[in-house]
PDB file of N, CA and C in Angstrom:
ATOM      1  N   UNK A   1     -28.823 -29.310   8.976  1.00  0.00           N
ATOM      2  CA  UNK A   1     -27.919 -28.535   8.144  1.00  0.00           C
ATOM      3  C   UNK A   1     -26.526 -28.560   8.766  1.00  0.00           C
ATOM      4  N   UNK A   2     -25.530 -28.871   7.965  1.00  0.00           N
ATOM      5  CA  UNK A   2     -24.147 -28.897   8.417  1.00  0.00           C
ATOM      6  C   UNK A   2     -23.594 -27.475   8.481  1.00  0.00           C
ATOM      7  N   UNK A   3     -22.923 -27.145   9.568  1.00  0.00           N
ATOM      8  CA  UNK A   3     -22.264 -25.847   9.699  1.00  0.00           C
ATOM      9  C   UNK A   3     -20.954 -25.876   8.914  1.00  0.00           C
ATOM     10  N   UNK A   4     -20.226 -26.974   9.054  1.00  0.00           N
ATOM     11  CA  UNK A   4     -18.912 -27.084   8.425  1.00  0.00           C
ATOM     12  C   UNK A   4     -18.672 -28.533   8.032  1.00  0.00           C
ATOM     13  N   UNK A   5     -17.759 -28.704   7.089  1.00  0.00           N
ATOM     14  CA  UNK A   5     -17.367 -30.033   6.629  1.00  0.00           C
ATOM     15  C   UNK A   5     -15.852 -30.137   6.694  1.00  0.00           C
ATOM     16  N   UNK A   6     -15.316 -31.350   6.786  1.00  0.00           N
ATOM     17  CA  UNK A   6     -13.860 -31.483   6.716  1.00  0.00           C
ATOM     18  C   UNK A   6     -13.355 -30.938   5.383  1.00  0.00           C
ATOM     19  N   UNK A   7     -12.267 -30.197   5.442  1.00  0.00           N
ATOM     20  CA  UNK A   7     -11.692 -29.604   4.226  1.00  0.00           C
ATOM     21  C   UNK A   7     -10.656 -30.547   3.642  1.00  0.00           C
ATOM     22  N   UNK A   8     -10.457 -30.503   2.324  1.00  0.00           N
ATOM     23  CA  UNK A   8      -9.397 -31.310   1.720  1.00  0.00           C
ATOM     24  C   UNK A   8      -8.058 -30.930   2.342  1.00  0.00           C
ATOM     25  N   UNK A   9      -7.281 -31.919   2.741  1.00  0.00           N
ATOM     26  CA  UNK A   9      -5.977 -31.646   3.339  1.00  0.00           C
ATOM     27  C   UNK A   9      -6.053 -31.297   4.816  1.00  0.00           C
ATOM     28  N   UNK A  10      -7.203 -31.496   5.458  1.00  0.00           N
ATOM     29  CA  UNK A  10      -7.350 -31.199   6.881  1.00  0.00           C
ATOM     30  C   UNK A  10      -8.054 -29.874   7.104  1.00  0.00           C
ATOM     31  N   UNK A  11      -8.384 -29.606   8.331  1.00  0.00           N
ATOM     32  CA  UNK A  11      -9.096 -28.387   8.651  1.00  0.00           C
ATOM     33  C   UNK A  11     -10.585 -28.545   8.429  1.00  0.00           C
ATOM     34  N   UNK A  12     -11.266 -27.406   8.400  1.00  0.00           N
ATOM     35  CA  UNK A  12     -12.724 -27.378   8.302  1.00  0.00           C
ATOM     36  C   UNK A  12     -13.105 -26.372   7.218  1.00  0.00           C
ATOM     37  N   UNK A  13     -14.149 -26.673   6.457  1.00  0.00           N
ATOM     38  CA  UNK A  13     -14.623 -25.754   5.423  1.00  0.00           C
ATOM     39  C   UNK A  13     -16.065 -25.340   5.711  1.00  0.00           C
ATOM     40  N   UNK A  14     -16.289 -24.030   5.656  1.00  0.00           N
ATOM     41  CA  UNK A  14     -17.624 -23.454   5.822  1.00  0.00           C
ATOM     42  C   UNK A  14     -18.033 -22.879   4.470  1.00  0.00           C
ATOM     43  N   UNK A  15     -19.078 -23.427   3.886  1.00  0.00           N
ATOM     44  CA  UNK A  15     -19.557 -22.919   2.600  1.00  0.00           C
ATOM     45  C   UNK A  15     -20.703 -21.954   2.868  1.00  0.00           C
ATOM     46  N   UNK A  16     -20.389 -20.654   2.851  1.00  0.00           N
ATOM     47  CA  UNK A  16     -21.379 -19.607   3.111  1.00  0.00           C
ATOM     48  C   UNK A  16     -21.729 -18.862   1.823  1.00  0.00           C
ATOM     49  N   UNK A  17     -21.467 -19.495   0.676  1.00  0.00           N
ATOM     50  CA  UNK A  17     -21.810 -18.853  -0.598  1.00  0.00           C
ATOM     51  C   UNK A  17     -23.314 -18.665  -0.692  1.00  0.00           C
ATOM     52  N   UNK A  18     -23.710 -17.468  -1.147  1.00  0.00           N
ATOM     53  CA  UNK A  18     -25.116 -17.142  -1.271  1.00  0.00           C
ATOM     54  C   UNK A  18     -25.718 -16.540  -0.008  1.00  0.00           C
ATOM     55  N   UNK A  19     -24.967 -16.534   1.085  1.00  0.00           N
ATOM     56  CA  UNK A  19     -25.457 -15.959   2.337  1.00  0.00           C
ATOM     57  C   UNK A  19     -24.942 -14.537   2.488  1.00  0.00           C
ATOM     58  N   UNK A  20     -25.775 -13.667   3.044  1.00  0.00           N
ATOM     59  CA  UNK A  20     -25.414 -12.261   3.238  1.00  0.00           C
ATOM     60  C   UNK A  20     -25.036 -12.023   4.701  1.00  0.00           C
ATOM     61  N   UNK A  21     -24.360 -10.918   4.924  1.00  0.00           N
ATOM     62  CA  UNK A  21     -23.965 -10.477   6.250  1.00  0.00           C
ATOM     63  C   UNK A  21     -25.188 -10.457   7.168  1.00  0.00           C
ATOM     64  N   UNK A  22     -25.075 -10.995   8.352  1.00  0.00           N
ATOM     65  CA  UNK A  22     -23.911 -11.456   9.095  1.00  0.00           C
ATOM     66  C   UNK A  22     -23.718 -12.969   9.059  1.00  0.00           C
ATOM     67  N   UNK A  23     -24.442 -13.680   8.199  1.00  0.00           N
ATOM     68  CA  UNK A  23     -24.417 -15.147   8.237  1.00  0.00           C
ATOM     69  C   UNK A  23     -23.046 -15.782   8.007  1.00  0.00           C
ATOM     70  N   UNK A  24     -22.181 -15.278   7.087  1.00  0.00           N
ATOM     71  CA  UNK A  24     -20.862 -15.918   6.975  1.00  0.00           C
ATOM     72  C   UNK A  24     -20.066 -15.885   8.292  1.00  0.00           C
ATOM     73  N   UNK A  25     -20.165 -14.775   9.037  1.00  0.00           N
ATOM     74  CA  UNK A  25     -19.448 -14.669  10.313  1.00  0.00           C
ATOM     75  C   UNK A  25     -20.092 -15.576  11.358  1.00  0.00           C
ATOM     76  N   UNK A  26     -21.400 -15.651  11.363  1.00  0.00           N
ATOM     77  CA  UNK A  26     -22.089 -16.542  12.306  1.00  0.00           C
ATOM     78  C   UNK A  26     -21.683 -17.992  12.051  1.00  0.00           C
ATOM     79  N   UNK A  27     -21.587 -18.376  10.788  1.00  0.00           N
ATOM     80  CA  UNK A  27     -21.162 -19.747  10.449  1.00  0.00           C
ATOM     81  C   UNK A  27     -19.694 -19.987  10.839  1.00  0.00           C
ATOM     82  N   UNK A  28     -18.836 -18.974  10.613  1.00  0.00           N
ATOM     83  CA  UNK A  28     -17.435 -19.092  11.026  1.00  0.00           C
ATOM     84  C   UNK A  28     -17.349 -19.278  12.533  1.00  0.00           C
ATOM     85  N   UNK A  29     -18.068 -18.469  13.289  1.00  0.00           N
ATOM     86  CA  UNK A  29     -18.041 -18.559  14.749  1.00  0.00           C
ATOM     87  C   UNK A  29     -18.545 -19.920  15.229  1.00  0.00           C
ATOM     88  N   UNK A  30     -19.590 -20.437  14.601  1.00  0.00           N
ATOM     89  CA  UNK A  30     -20.124 -21.744  14.983  1.00  0.00           C
ATOM     90  C   UNK A  30     -19.105 -22.847  14.708  1.00  0.00           C
ATOM     91  N   UNK A  31     -18.443 -22.777  13.561  1.00  0.00           N
ATOM     92  CA  UNK A  31     -17.414 -23.777  13.235  1.00  0.00           C
ATOM     93  C   UNK A  31     -16.244 -23.669  14.206  1.00  0.00           C
ATOM     94  N   UNK A  32     -15.888 -22.456  14.590  1.00  0.00           N
ATOM     95  CA  UNK A  32     -14.782 -22.256  15.528  1.00  0.00           C
ATOM     96  C   UNK A  32     -15.104 -22.876  16.890  1.00  0.00           C
ATOM     97  N   UNK A  33     -16.347 -22.740  17.335  1.00  0.00           N
ATOM     98  CA  UNK A  33     -16.742 -23.317  18.622  1.00  0.00           C
ATOM     99  C   UNK A  33     -16.629 -24.839  18.612  1.00  0.00           C
ATOM    100  N   UNK A  34     -16.792 -25.448  17.454  1.00  0.00           N
ATOM    101  CA  UNK A  34     -16.763 -26.906  17.342  1.00  0.00           C
ATOM    102  C   UNK A  34     -15.377 -27.455  16.992  1.00  0.00           C
ATOM    103  N   UNK A  35     -14.386 -26.567  16.848  1.00  0.00           N
ATOM    104  CA  UNK A  35     -13.056 -26.974  16.378  1.00  0.00           C
ATOM    105  C   UNK A  35     -12.006 -26.734  17.448  1.00  0.00           C
ATOM    106  N   UNK A  36     -10.917 -27.455  17.317  1.00  0.00           N
ATOM    107  CA  UNK A  36      -9.801 -27.321  18.254  1.00  0.00           C
ATOM    108  C   UNK A  36      -8.940 -26.112  17.909  1.00  0.00           C
ATOM    109  N   UNK A  37      -8.264 -25.534  18.911  1.00  0.00           N
ATOM    110  CA  UNK A  37      -7.310 -24.454  18.628  1.00  0.00           C
ATOM    111  C   UNK A  37      -6.278 -24.917  17.602  1.00  0.00           C
ATOM    112  N   UNK A  38      -5.893 -24.017  16.722  1.00  0.00           N
ATOM    113  CA  UNK A  38      -4.920 -24.347  15.682  1.00  0.00           C
ATOM    114  C   UNK A  38      -5.546 -24.865  14.401  1.00  0.00           C
ATOM    115  N   UNK A  39      -6.829 -25.213  14.445  1.00  0.00           N
ATOM    116  CA  UNK A  39      -7.526 -25.688  13.252  1.00  0.00           C
ATOM    117  C   UNK A  39      -7.616 -24.563  12.228  1.00  0.00           C
ATOM    118  N   UNK A  40      -7.432 -24.897  10.964  1.00  0.00           N
ATOM    119  CA  UNK A  40      -7.622 -23.923   9.893  1.00  0.00           C
ATOM    120  C   UNK A  40      -9.046 -24.077   9.377  1.00  0.00           C
ATOM    121  N   UNK A  41      -9.804 -22.981   9.463  1.00  0.00           N
ATOM    122  CA  UNK A  41     -11.175 -22.940   8.970  1.00  0.00           C
ATOM    123  C   UNK A  41     -11.162 -22.151   7.664  1.00  0.00           C
ATOM    124  N   UNK A  42     -11.633 -22.761   6.596  1.00  0.00           N
ATOM    125  CA  UNK A  42     -11.747 -22.095   5.298  1.00  0.00           C
ATOM    126  C   UNK A  42     -13.199 -21.695   5.107  1.00  0.00           C
ATOM    127  N   UNK A  43     -13.409 -20.402   4.847  1.00  0.00           N
ATOM    128  CA  UNK A  43     -14.760 -19.881   4.637  1.00  0.00           C
ATOM    129  C   UNK A  43     -14.897 -19.477   3.173  1.00  0.00           C
ATOM    130  N   UNK A  44     -15.914 -19.991   2.508  1.00  0.00           N
ATOM    131  CA  UNK A  44     -16.229 -19.622   1.137  1.00  0.00           C
ATOM    132  C   UNK A  44     -17.452 -18.713   1.182  1.00  0.00           C
ATOM    133  N   UNK A  45     -17.357 -17.522   0.574  1.00  0.00           N
ATOM    134  CA  UNK A  45     -18.456 -16.563   0.641  1.00  0.00           C
ATOM    135  C   UNK A  45     -18.542 -15.740  -0.636  1.00  0.00           C
ATOM    136  N   UNK A  46     -19.757 -15.419  -1.034  1.00  0.00           N
ATOM    137  CA  UNK A  46     -19.971 -14.537  -2.180  1.00  0.00           C
ATOM    138  C   UNK A  46     -20.276 -13.112  -1.735  1.00  0.00           C
ATOM    139  N   UNK A  47     -20.428 -12.876  -0.454  1.00  0.00           N
ATOM    140  CA  UNK A  47     -20.757 -11.557   0.082  1.00  0.00           C
ATOM    141  C   UNK A  47     -19.486 -10.712   0.195  1.00  0.00           C
ATOM    142  N   UNK A  48     -19.396  -9.583  -0.518  1.00  0.00           N
ATOM    143  CA  UNK A  48     -18.198  -8.738  -0.434  1.00  0.00           C
ATOM    144  C   UNK A  48     -17.908  -8.246   0.986  1.00  0.00           C
ATOM    145  N   UNK A  49     -18.938  -8.103   1.811  1.00  0.00           N
ATOM    146  CA  UNK A  49     -18.734  -7.650   3.188  1.00  0.00           C
ATOM    147  C   UNK A  49     -17.995  -8.688   4.025  1.00  0.00           C
ATOM    148  N   UNK A  50     -17.962  -9.935   3.586  1.00  0.00           N
ATOM    149  CA  UNK A  50     -17.265 -10.979   4.349  1.00  0.00           C
ATOM    150  C   UNK A  50     -15.765 -10.723   4.423  1.00  0.00           C
ATOM    151  N   UNK A  51     -15.201 -10.090   3.412  1.00  0.00           N
ATOM    152  CA  UNK A  51     -13.749  -9.868   3.407  1.00  0.00           C
ATOM    153  C   UNK A  51     -13.300  -9.050   4.623  1.00  0.00           C
ATOM    154  N   UNK A  52     -13.815  -7.827   4.838  1.00  0.00           N
ATOM    155  CA  UNK A  52     -13.401  -7.090   6.037  1.00  0.00           C
ATOM    156  C   UNK A  52     -13.985  -7.682   7.319  1.00  0.00           C
ATOM    157  N   UNK A  53     -15.167  -8.291   7.249  1.00  0.00           N
ATOM    158  CA  UNK A  53     -15.778  -8.865   8.450  1.00  0.00           C
ATOM    159  C   UNK A  53     -14.948 -10.015   9.011  1.00  0.00           C
ATOM    160  N   UNK A  54     -14.456 -10.882   8.146  1.00  0.00           N
ATOM    161  CA  UNK A  54     -13.638 -12.011   8.605  1.00  0.00           C
ATOM    162  C   UNK A  54     -12.313 -11.508   9.168  1.00  0.00           C
ATOM    163  N   UNK A  55     -11.712 -10.514   8.518  1.00  0.00           N
ATOM    164  CA  UNK A  55     -10.471  -9.934   9.047  1.00  0.00           C
ATOM    165  C   UNK A  55     -10.702  -9.349  10.441  1.00  0.00           C
ATOM    166  N   UNK A  56     -11.815  -8.648  10.637  1.00  0.00           N
ATOM    167  CA  UNK A  56     -12.132  -8.065  11.947  1.00  0.00           C
ATOM    168  C   UNK A  56     -12.403  -9.163  12.980  1.00  0.00           C
ATOM    169  N   UNK A  57     -13.102 -10.224  12.587  1.00  0.00           N
ATOM    170  CA  UNK A  57     -13.371 -11.336  13.503  1.00  0.00           C
ATOM    171  C   UNK A  57     -12.059 -11.959  13.976  1.00  0.00           C
ATOM    172  N   UNK A  58     -11.121 -12.126  13.047  1.00  0.00           N
ATOM    173  CA  UNK A  58      -9.811 -12.689  13.413  1.00  0.00           C
ATOM    174  C   UNK A  58      -9.107 -11.798  14.440  1.00  0.00           C
ATOM    175  N   UNK A  59      -9.131 -10.514  14.206  1.00  0.00           N
ATOM    176  CA  UNK A  59      -8.471  -9.582  15.117  1.00  0.00           C
ATOM    177  C   UNK A  59      -9.112  -9.664  16.508  1.00  0.00           C
ATOM    178  N   UNK A  60     -10.438  -9.689  16.559  1.00  0.00           N
ATOM    179  CA  UNK A  60     -11.135  -9.723  17.848  1.00  0.00           C
ATOM    180  C   UNK A  60     -10.938 -11.048  18.574  1.00  0.00           C
ATOM    181  N   UNK A  61     -10.760 -12.132  17.842  1.00  0.00           N
ATOM    182  CA  UNK A  61     -10.629 -13.467  18.439  1.00  0.00           C
ATOM    183  C   UNK A  61      -9.179 -13.943  18.523  1.00  0.00           C
ATOM    184  N   UNK A  62      -8.244 -13.080  18.172  1.00  0.00           N
ATOM    185  CA  UNK A  62      -6.807 -13.420  18.191  1.00  0.00           C
ATOM    186  C   UNK A  62      -6.499 -14.616  17.304  1.00  0.00           C
ATOM    187  N   UNK A  63      -7.262 -14.754  16.240  1.00  0.00           N
ATOM    188  CA  UNK A  63      -7.025 -15.814  15.258  1.00  0.00           C
ATOM    189  C   UNK A  63      -6.130 -15.260  14.150  1.00  0.00           C
ATOM    190  N   UNK A  64      -5.458 -16.144  13.451  1.00  0.00           N
ATOM    191  CA  UNK A  64      -4.579 -15.724  12.355  1.00  0.00           C
ATOM    192  C   UNK A  64      -5.339 -15.781  11.036  1.00  0.00           C
ATOM    193  N   UNK A  65      -5.364 -14.658  10.333  1.00  0.00           N
ATOM    194  CA  UNK A  65      -5.924 -14.640   8.988  1.00  0.00           C
ATOM    195  C   UNK A  65      -4.826 -15.125   8.061  1.00  0.00           C
ATOM    196  N   UNK A  66      -4.892 -16.394   7.684  1.00  0.00           N
ATOM    197  CA  UNK A  66      -3.845 -17.017   6.867  1.00  0.00           C
ATOM    198  C   UNK A  66      -3.860 -16.441   5.460  1.00  0.00           C
ATOM    199  N   UNK A  67      -5.057 -16.171   4.929  1.00  0.00           N
ATOM    200  CA  UNK A  67      -5.142 -15.600   3.592  1.00  0.00           C
ATOM    201  C   UNK A  67      -6.572 -15.394   3.155  1.00  0.00           C
ATOM    202  N   UNK A  68      -6.735 -14.486   2.208  1.00  0.00           N
ATOM    203  CA  UNK A  68      -8.023 -14.242   1.572  1.00  0.00           C
ATOM    204  C   UNK A  68      -7.766 -14.003   0.094  1.00  0.00           C
ATOM    205  N   UNK A  69      -8.545 -14.656  -0.748  1.00  0.00           N
ATOM    206  CA  UNK A  69      -8.424 -14.391  -2.174  1.00  0.00           C
ATOM    207  C   UNK A  69      -9.761 -14.651  -2.860  1.00  0.00           C
ATOM    208  N   UNK A  70     -10.030 -13.819  -3.872  1.00  0.00           N
ATOM    209  CA  UNK A  70     -11.224 -14.006  -4.693  1.00  0.00           C
ATOM    210  C   UNK A  70     -10.867 -14.984  -5.802  1.00  0.00           C
ATOM    211  N   UNK A  71     -11.721 -15.936  -6.025  1.00  0.00           N
ATOM    212  CA  UNK A  71     -11.492 -16.961  -7.033  1.00  0.00           C
ATOM    213  C   UNK A  71     -12.834 -17.300  -7.685  1.00  0.00           C
ATOM    214  N   UNK A  72     -12.829 -18.206  -8.604  1.00  0.00           N
ATOM    215  CA  UNK A  72     -14.066 -18.601  -9.278  1.00  0.00           C
ATOM    216  C   UNK A  72     -14.007 -20.079  -9.624  1.00  0.00           C
ATOM    217  N   UNK A  73     -15.175 -20.663  -9.698  1.00  0.00           N
ATOM    218  CA  UNK A  73     -15.307 -22.029 -10.202  1.00  0.00           C
ATOM    219  C   UNK A  73     -16.598 -22.083 -11.024  1.00  0.00           C
ATOM    220  N   UNK A  74     -17.101 -23.254 -11.264  1.00  0.00           N
ATOM    221  CA  UNK A  74     -18.302 -23.394 -12.095  1.00  0.00           C
ATOM    222  C   UNK A  74     -19.524 -22.713 -11.481  1.00  0.00           C
ATOM    223  N   UNK A  75     -19.505 -22.495 -10.156  1.00  0.00           N
ATOM    224  CA  UNK A  75     -20.642 -21.859  -9.486  1.00  0.00           C
ATOM    225  C   UNK A  75     -20.569 -20.336  -9.520  1.00  0.00           C
ATOM    226  N   UNK A  76     -19.404 -19.778  -9.844  1.00  0.00           N
ATOM    227  CA  UNK A  76     -19.240 -18.319  -9.889  1.00  0.00           C
ATOM    228  C   UNK A  76     -18.063 -17.837  -9.052  1.00  0.00           C
ATOM    229  N   UNK A  77     -18.017 -16.524  -8.874  1.00  0.00           N
ATOM    230  CA  UNK A  77     -16.918 -15.875  -8.149  1.00  0.00           C
ATOM    231  C   UNK A  77     -17.214 -15.884  -6.647  1.00  0.00           C
ATOM    232  N   UNK A  78     -16.164 -16.160  -5.841  1.00  0.00           N
ATOM    233  CA  UNK A  78     -16.341 -16.178  -4.395  1.00  0.00           C
ATOM    234  C   UNK A  78     -15.020 -15.892  -3.690  1.00  0.00           C
ATOM    235  N   UNK A  79     -15.137 -15.492  -2.429  1.00  0.00           N
ATOM    236  CA  UNK A  79     -13.996 -15.223  -1.570  1.00  0.00           C
ATOM    237  C   UNK A  79     -13.658 -16.475  -0.790  1.00  0.00           C
ATOM    238  N   UNK A  80     -12.364 -16.823  -0.778  1.00  0.00           N
ATOM    239  CA  UNK A  80     -11.877 -17.935   0.049  1.00  0.00           C
ATOM    240  C   UNK A  80     -11.015 -17.321   1.150  1.00  0.00           C
ATOM    241  N   UNK A  81     -11.445 -17.467   2.384  1.00  0.00           N
ATOM    242  CA  UNK A  81     -10.700 -16.955   3.531  1.00  0.00           C
ATOM    243  C   UNK A  81     -10.256 -18.129   4.379  1.00  0.00           C
ATOM    244  N   UNK A  82      -8.988 -18.101   4.797  1.00  0.00           N
ATOM    245  CA  UNK A  82      -8.468 -19.155   5.663  1.00  0.00           C
ATOM    246  C   UNK A  82      -8.073 -18.537   6.997  1.00  0.00           C
ATOM    247  N   UNK A  83      -8.604 -19.127   8.068  1.00  0.00           N
ATOM    248  CA  UNK A  83      -8.420 -18.624   9.418  1.00  0.00           C
ATOM    249  C   UNK A  83      -7.852 -19.743  10.285  1.00  0.00           C
ATOM    250  N   UNK A  84      -6.734 -19.469  10.970  1.00  0.00           N
ATOM    251  CA  UNK A  84      -6.191 -20.437  11.933  1.00  0.00           C
ATOM    252  C   UNK A  84      -6.669 -20.021  13.317  1.00  0.00           C
ATOM    253  N   UNK A  85      -7.413 -20.903  13.979  1.00  0.00           N
ATOM    254  CA  UNK A  85      -7.986 -20.580  15.277  1.00  0.00           C
ATOM    255  C   UNK A  85      -6.899 -20.444  16.334  1.00  0.00           C
ATOM    256  N   UNK A  86      -7.063 -19.472  17.191  1.00  0.00           N
ATOM    257  CA  UNK A  86      -6.089 -19.188  18.244  1.00  0.00           C
ATOM    258  C   UNK A  86      -6.203 -20.219  19.357  1.00  0.00           C
ATOM    259  N   UNK A  87      -5.099 -20.429  20.067  1.00  0.00           N
ATOM    260  CA  UNK A  87      -5.171 -21.288  21.253  1.00  0.00           C
ATOM    261  C   UNK A  87      -6.092 -20.648  22.287  1.00  0.00           C
ATOM    262  N   UNK A  88      -6.684 -21.466  23.116  1.00  0.00           N
ATOM    263  CA  UNK A  88      -7.536 -20.946  24.178  1.00  0.00           C
ATOM    264  C   UNK A  88      -6.694 -20.104  25.120  1.00  0.00           C
ATOM    265  N   UNK A  89      -7.238 -18.991  25.540  1.00  0.00           N
ATOM    266  CA  UNK A  89      -6.529 -18.104  26.448  1.00  0.00           C
ATOM    267  C   UNK A  89      -6.960 -18.439  27.874  1.00  0.00           C
ATOM    268  N   UNK A  90      -5.957 -18.661  28.708  1.00  0.00           N
ATOM    269  CA  UNK A  90      -6.253 -18.956  30.107  1.00  0.00           C
ATOM    270  C   UNK A  90      -6.737 -17.694  30.802  1.00  0.00           C
ATOM    271  N   UNK A  91      -7.749 -17.792  31.651  1.00  0.00           N
ATOM    272  CA  UNK A  91      -8.206 -16.615  32.358  1.00  0.00           C
ATOM    273  C   UNK A  91      -7.114 -16.113  33.304  1.00  0.00           C
ATOM    274  N   UNK A  92      -7.061 -14.811  33.464  1.00  0.00           N
ATOM    275  CA  UNK A  92      -6.072 -14.214  34.356  1.00  0.00           C
ATOM    276  C   UNK A  92      -6.366 -14.636  35.788  1.00  0.00           C
ATOM    277  N   UNK A  93      -5.317 -14.907  36.535  1.00  0.00           N
ATOM    278  CA  UNK A  93      -5.459 -15.301  37.937  1.00  0.00           C
ATOM    279  C   UNK A  93      -4.854 -14.190  38.777  1.00  0.00           C
ATOM    280  N   UNK A  94      -5.612 -13.766  39.775  1.00  0.00           N
ATOM    281  CA  UNK A  94      -5.110 -12.728  40.657  1.00  0.00           C
ATOM    282  C   UNK A  94      -3.966 -13.273  41.483  1.00  0.00           C
ATOM    283  N   UNK A  95      -2.913 -12.487  41.717  1.00  0.00           N
ATOM    284  CA  UNK A  95      -1.768 -12.966  42.479  1.00  0.00           C
ATOM    285  C   UNK A  95      -2.123 -13.392  43.898  1.00  0.00           C
ATOM    286  N   UNK A  96      -3.184 -12.820  44.483  1.00  0.00           N
ATOM    287  CA  UNK A  96      -3.534 -13.152  45.866  1.00  0.00           C
ATOM    288  C   UNK A  96      -4.515 -14.318  45.956  1.00  0.00           C
ATOM    289  N   UNK A  97      -4.717 -15.004  44.894  1.00  0.00           N
ATOM    290  CA  UNK A  97      -5.580 -16.169  45.032  1.00  0.00           C
ATOM    291  C   UNK A  97      -6.385 -16.433  43.854  1.00  0.00           C
TER     292      UNK A  97
END
C-alpha cells in the first residue's frame, strides 16, 4: 500500500479519504518522514476531525499550514489540506561542549 504519491505540480499527495481519525494524521506523518524539508504534502480526507487535527500537527511540527478547503469531485465532498514541511531543526549544543 502506498502512503503517498507524487502530486501534480510537485510535492506529495496523501489520499486519506474514507479513513477516520487518527489515520489521516498517521498517513501525513509517514509521508513527512519520507519527504524532504520544504516539501508540500497535500492531504485529502473525508473525516471532519482532520481539519483541526492537521492544523494542530502543523503547529506541533513547526510546519506551515498552506491552506485547507472543503471541495468535491465525482467521489464526494472532502477536505484538501496543504502542509509545507519545516526544515530540520538542529539539536541544541551546550556552550561548554
